[in-house]
Amino acid sequence: MLVAAGIGAGMNVLDVGCGVGDVSFLAGELVGPEGSVVGVDLDAGALAFAERRRASLGVGNVSFQLGDARSVGVGGVFDAAVGRLVLKFMSDPIEAIRRIADRVRPGGVLAFQETLARPTTTASGADQPVLARVQGLINDAFAATGASNEIAAGLASWMRAAGLVPDPRPLAELAYDLDFDPYDRWAPIARSLLPKMVEYGLVSEDEGTRLIERDLRDELRRGDFVPVSPLMVGVWARKQAR
């Protein structure tokens, strides 16, 4: 998606909701030593981990900053702003895109990737009832916070409403890896969200632990099942030149 959106050598890029830096490092490779990437996130713990990764990799063109990319002063005007799985957490994505676009130069690009399909569809068709239950709990935990796993269908229209010109050819992808252990894909996600599942009354801690650590492992490792991600949709748009 980043390549299709035009992220390239020498550009200065803002990574919105960078988390532990995965997208920031990808963008850093694309912009090269003449470019730069600033990753911004609200989670100080994630940023500390991202900084440790940056130092261990010896990356000099990526930096991280604590704050909200919609309002924090991150310095300068960027050639591009990118984000992956971040608009889903914002109550007003159109206003968020508009405010992020204020930090991008005229003629610059904004590129976001979000999910479209409910994750349960990847298990229900494969007769994996425990995985379908776990995926449903994951989806419900996000929904309980106000976030959505199905927002990608609105990306292009939100960008237009924010005054941008979206590319008419978005990129939709499924992650389908024959060499990836399906338990190693889903168990860490479920573990990280288990406290929220318990907090919102979706499952007890004992039941959730049993589902993740025993039932899910037994189901996924006894059969020939390839894990498929939800549909990931990337949409990018140009900011009109003044």
Protein backbone atom coordinates (compact mmCIF):
# COMPACT_ATOMS: atom_id res chain seq x y z
CA MET A 1 0.00 0.00 0.00
CA LEU A 2 2.79 2.43 0.89
CA VAL A 3 4.48 1.89 -2.47
CA ALA A 4 1.20 2.22 -4.37
CA ALA A 5 0.47 5.45 -2.48
CA GLY A 6 3.77 6.91 -3.69
CA ILE A 7 5.84 6.81 -0.51
CA GLY A 8 9.41 7.00 -1.76
CA ALA A 9 12.95 8.26 -1.41
CA GLY A 10 13.54 11.56 0.33
CA MET A 11 10.02 12.02 1.68
CA ASN A 12 9.18 13.13 5.22
CA VAL A 13 6.41 10.92 6.59
CA LEU A 14 4.12 11.07 9.63
CA ASP A 15 3.03 7.65 10.97
CA VAL A 16 -0.25 8.13 12.85
CA GLY A 17 -0.80 5.72 15.74
CA CYS A 18 2.55 4.06 15.13
CA GLY A 19 2.39 1.60 18.04
CA VAL A 20 5.63 -0.39 18.28
CA GLY A 21 6.86 0.97 14.95
CA ASP A 22 6.12 -1.68 12.30
CA VAL A 23 4.77 0.78 9.73
CA SER A 24 7.31 3.43 10.72
CA PHE A 25 10.20 1.09 9.91
CA LEU A 26 8.64 0.06 6.60
CA ALA A 27 8.20 3.69 5.64
CA GLY A 28 11.75 4.40 6.77
CA GLU A 29 13.09 1.81 4.33
CA LEU A 30 11.11 3.42 1.51
CA VAL A 31 12.17 7.02 2.16
CA GLY A 32 15.82 6.09 2.67
CA PRO A 33 18.54 8.07 4.44
CA GLU A 34 17.52 11.33 2.76
CA GLY A 35 13.99 11.03 4.13
CA SER A 36 12.53 10.79 7.63
CA VAL A 37 9.64 9.23 9.51
CA VAL A 38 8.04 10.48 12.73
CA GLY A 39 5.86 7.94 14.51
CA VAL A 40 3.27 9.35 16.93
CA ASP A 41 1.24 7.35 19.45
CA LEU A 42 -0.64 7.82 22.72
CA ASP A 43 0.86 4.70 24.33
CA ALA A 44 4.13 5.47 26.11
CA GLY A 45 4.87 1.78 26.64
CA ALA A 46 4.52 0.99 22.95
CA LEU A 47 6.77 3.92 22.06
CA ALA A 48 9.43 2.81 24.53
CA PHE A 49 9.44 -0.61 22.87
CA ALA A 50 9.57 1.03 19.42
CA GLU A 51 12.56 3.10 20.49
CA ARG A 52 14.38 0.00 21.74
CA ARG A 53 13.74 -1.62 18.36
CA ARG A 54 15.00 1.46 16.55
CA ALA A 55 18.21 1.50 18.58
CA SER A 56 18.85 -2.22 18.13
CA LEU A 57 18.32 -1.94 14.37
CA GLY A 58 20.54 1.14 14.10
CA VAL A 59 17.84 3.06 12.23
CA GLY A 60 18.68 6.75 11.98
CA ASN A 61 15.81 8.16 9.91
CA VAL A 62 12.91 7.15 12.19
CA SER A 63 11.93 8.86 15.45
CA PHE A 64 8.99 8.50 17.84
CA GLN A 65 6.92 11.03 19.74
CA LEU A 66 4.27 10.69 22.43
CA GLY A 67 0.98 12.40 21.64
CA ASP A 68 -2.11 12.59 19.46
CA ALA A 69 -1.29 13.17 15.79
CA ARG A 70 -4.53 15.15 15.44
CA SER A 71 -3.34 17.84 17.83
CA VAL A 72 0.25 17.37 18.99
CA GLY A 73 2.91 19.65 17.55
CA VAL A 74 5.13 17.20 15.68
CA GLY A 75 7.11 19.88 13.88
CA GLY A 76 7.11 20.89 10.25
CA VAL A 77 4.91 19.89 7.35
CA PHE A 78 5.06 16.35 5.99
CA ASP A 79 5.01 14.99 2.46
CA ALA A 80 2.75 12.15 3.59
CA ALA A 81 0.80 10.80 6.56
CA VAL A 82 0.13 7.08 6.92
CA GLY A 83 -1.66 4.85 9.39
CA ARG A 84 -2.65 1.22 9.82
CA LEU A 85 -5.57 0.14 12.01
CA VAL A 86 -5.83 3.55 13.63
CA LEU A 87 -8.94 5.33 12.29
CA LYS A 88 -11.07 2.51 13.73
CA PHE A 89 -10.36 3.91 17.20
CA MET A 90 -11.39 7.49 16.39
CA SER A 91 -14.94 8.62 17.11
CA ASP A 92 -14.97 11.08 14.17
CA PRO A 93 -12.71 9.71 11.41
CA ILE A 94 -13.58 12.50 8.96
CA GLU A 95 -12.47 15.18 11.38
CA ALA A 96 -9.40 13.09 12.25
CA ILE A 97 -8.42 12.85 8.57
CA ARG A 98 -9.01 16.57 8.11
CA ARG A 99 -6.78 17.47 11.07
CA ILE A 100 -4.06 15.02 10.04
CA ALA A 101 -4.21 16.48 6.52
CA ASP A 102 -3.40 19.89 8.02
CA ARG A 103 0.07 18.48 8.76
CA VAL A 104 0.60 17.41 5.12
CA ARG A 105 1.77 19.80 2.40
CA PRO A 106 -0.50 20.64 -0.56
CA GLY A 107 -0.08 17.88 -3.12
CA GLY A 108 1.00 15.43 -0.41
CA VAL A 109 -0.58 12.06 0.28
CA LEU A 110 -2.51 10.40 3.11
CA ALA A 111 -2.70 6.59 3.16
CA PHE A 112 -4.61 4.42 5.63
CA GLN A 113 -5.25 0.68 5.90
CA GLU A 114 -8.24 -0.67 7.82
CA THR A 115 -10.25 -3.88 8.09
CA LEU A 116 -13.48 -4.59 6.24
CA ALA A 117 -14.66 -8.11 7.13
CA ARG A 118 -15.56 -9.54 10.52
CA PRO A 119 -12.74 -11.87 11.59
CA THR A 120 -15.22 -14.66 12.35
CA THR A 121 -15.63 -15.26 8.61
CA THR A 122 -12.13 -16.74 8.47
CA ALA A 123 -13.04 -19.53 10.90
CA SER A 124 -16.74 -20.21 10.36
CA GLY A 125 -16.16 -21.44 6.81
CA ALA A 126 -13.36 -23.73 7.96
CA ASP A 127 -15.38 -25.49 10.68
CA GLN A 128 -13.26 -24.14 13.51
CA PRO A 129 -15.81 -23.45 16.28
CA VAL A 130 -13.29 -22.52 18.99
CA LEU A 131 -11.45 -20.12 16.69
CA ALA A 132 -14.78 -18.65 15.60
CA ARG A 133 -15.65 -18.09 19.28
CA VAL A 134 -12.29 -16.48 20.03
CA GLN A 135 -12.51 -14.27 16.94
CA GLY A 136 -16.01 -13.24 17.96
CA LEU A 137 -14.76 -12.27 21.42
CA ILE A 138 -11.95 -10.24 19.84
CA ASN A 139 -14.43 -8.43 17.62
CA ASP A 140 -16.81 -7.80 20.54
CA ALA A 141 -13.98 -6.45 22.70
CA PHE A 142 -13.15 -3.88 20.02
CA ALA A 143 -16.83 -3.03 19.59
CA ALA A 144 -17.23 -2.49 23.34
CA THR A 145 -14.62 0.28 23.19
CA GLY A 146 -16.42 1.96 20.29
CA ALA A 147 -13.90 0.70 17.73
CA SER A 148 -14.91 -1.24 14.63
CA ASN A 149 -13.34 -4.05 12.64
CA GLU A 150 -15.47 -3.22 9.59
CA ILE A 151 -14.79 0.42 8.79
CA ALA A 152 -12.73 0.18 5.62
CA ALA A 153 -15.77 0.56 3.39
CA GLY A 154 -16.00 4.19 4.50
CA LEU A 155 -12.38 5.17 3.93
CA ALA A 156 -12.74 6.71 0.46
CA SER A 157 -15.90 8.63 1.31
CA TRP A 158 -14.34 9.94 4.52
CA MET A 159 -11.33 11.18 2.59
CA ARG A 160 -13.55 12.98 0.09
CA ALA A 161 -15.56 14.52 2.93
CA ALA A 162 -12.27 15.75 4.43
CA GLY A 163 -11.44 17.55 1.17
CA LEU A 164 -9.03 14.99 -0.28
CA VAL A 165 -8.98 13.25 -3.65
CA PRO A 166 -8.79 9.46 -3.12
CA ASP A 167 -7.17 7.21 -5.68
CA PRO A 168 -9.95 5.26 -7.47
CA ARG A 169 -8.02 1.96 -7.19
CA PRO A 170 -7.72 0.96 -3.52
CA LEU A 171 -5.76 -2.11 -2.53
CA ALA A 172 -7.49 -5.02 -0.78
CA GLU A 173 -5.44 -7.88 0.68
CA LEU A 174 -5.78 -11.07 2.69
CA ALA A 175 -2.83 -12.45 4.63
CA TYR A 176 -2.65 -16.16 3.73
CA ASP A 177 0.53 -17.88 4.89
CA LEU A 178 1.01 -21.62 4.44
CA ASP A 179 4.06 -21.61 6.74
CA PHE A 180 2.48 -19.68 9.62
CA ASP A 181 1.23 -21.53 12.71
CA PRO A 182 -2.44 -20.49 13.09
CA TYR A 183 -2.22 -20.74 16.87
CA ASP A 184 0.72 -18.33 16.87
CA ARG A 185 -1.38 -15.89 14.83
CA TRP A 186 -4.49 -15.80 17.01
CA ALA A 187 -3.37 -16.67 20.55
CA PRO A 188 -1.23 -13.53 21.16
CA ILE A 189 -4.06 -11.27 19.95
CA ALA A 190 -6.57 -13.02 22.19
CA ARG A 191 -4.22 -12.94 25.20
CA SER A 192 -3.60 -9.23 24.83
CA LEU A 193 -7.35 -8.53 24.72
CA LEU A 194 -8.41 -10.96 27.46
CA PRO A 195 -8.34 -8.29 30.23
CA LYS A 196 -10.75 -6.17 28.16
CA MET A 197 -12.95 -9.17 27.42
CA VAL A 198 -13.20 -9.78 31.18
CA GLU A 199 -13.70 -6.08 31.96
CA TYR A 200 -16.62 -5.84 29.55
CA GLY A 201 -18.23 -9.04 30.82
CA LEU A 202 -17.76 -10.95 27.58
CA VAL A 203 -16.10 -13.93 29.24
CA SER A 204 -14.71 -14.89 32.64
CA GLU A 205 -10.96 -14.93 33.10
CA ASP A 206 -10.98 -18.69 33.73
CA GLU A 207 -13.06 -19.43 30.65
CA GLY A 208 -11.05 -17.08 28.46
CA THR A 209 -7.77 -18.60 29.61
CA ARG A 210 -9.08 -22.11 28.96
CA LEU A 211 -10.29 -21.12 25.50
CA ILE A 212 -6.96 -19.56 24.52
CA GLU A 213 -4.42 -21.81 26.21
CA ARG A 214 -6.10 -25.20 25.79
CA ASP A 215 -9.11 -25.35 23.48
CA LEU A 216 -7.78 -23.05 20.75
CA ARG A 217 -4.37 -24.71 20.76
CA ASP A 218 -5.87 -28.19 20.53
CA GLU A 219 -8.23 -27.25 17.70
CA LEU A 220 -5.72 -25.41 15.52
CA ARG A 221 -2.85 -27.85 15.97
CA ARG A 222 -4.75 -31.05 15.33
CA GLY A 223 -5.85 -30.23 11.77
CA ASP A 224 -4.63 -28.77 8.51
CA PHE A 225 -5.84 -25.18 8.78
CA VAL A 226 -4.29 -22.12 7.16
CA PRO A 227 -4.96 -18.85 9.02
CA VAL A 228 -6.50 -16.12 6.90
CA SER A 229 -6.66 -12.54 8.06
CA PRO A 230 -9.67 -10.24 7.79
CA LEU A 231 -9.82 -8.32 4.52
CA MET A 232 -7.38 -5.40 4.73
CA VAL A 233 -8.23 -2.37 2.58
CA GLY A 234 -5.75 0.41 1.85
CA VAL A 235 -6.95 3.74 0.49
CA TRP A 236 -4.75 6.72 -0.29
CA ALA A 237 -5.60 10.27 -1.32
CA ARG A 238 -3.91 13.44 -2.45
CA LYS A 239 -4.28 16.74 -0.69
CA GLN A 240 -5.26 19.27 -3.30
CA ALA A 241 -2.61 21.83 -4.16
CA ARG A 242 -3.58 25.38 -3.32
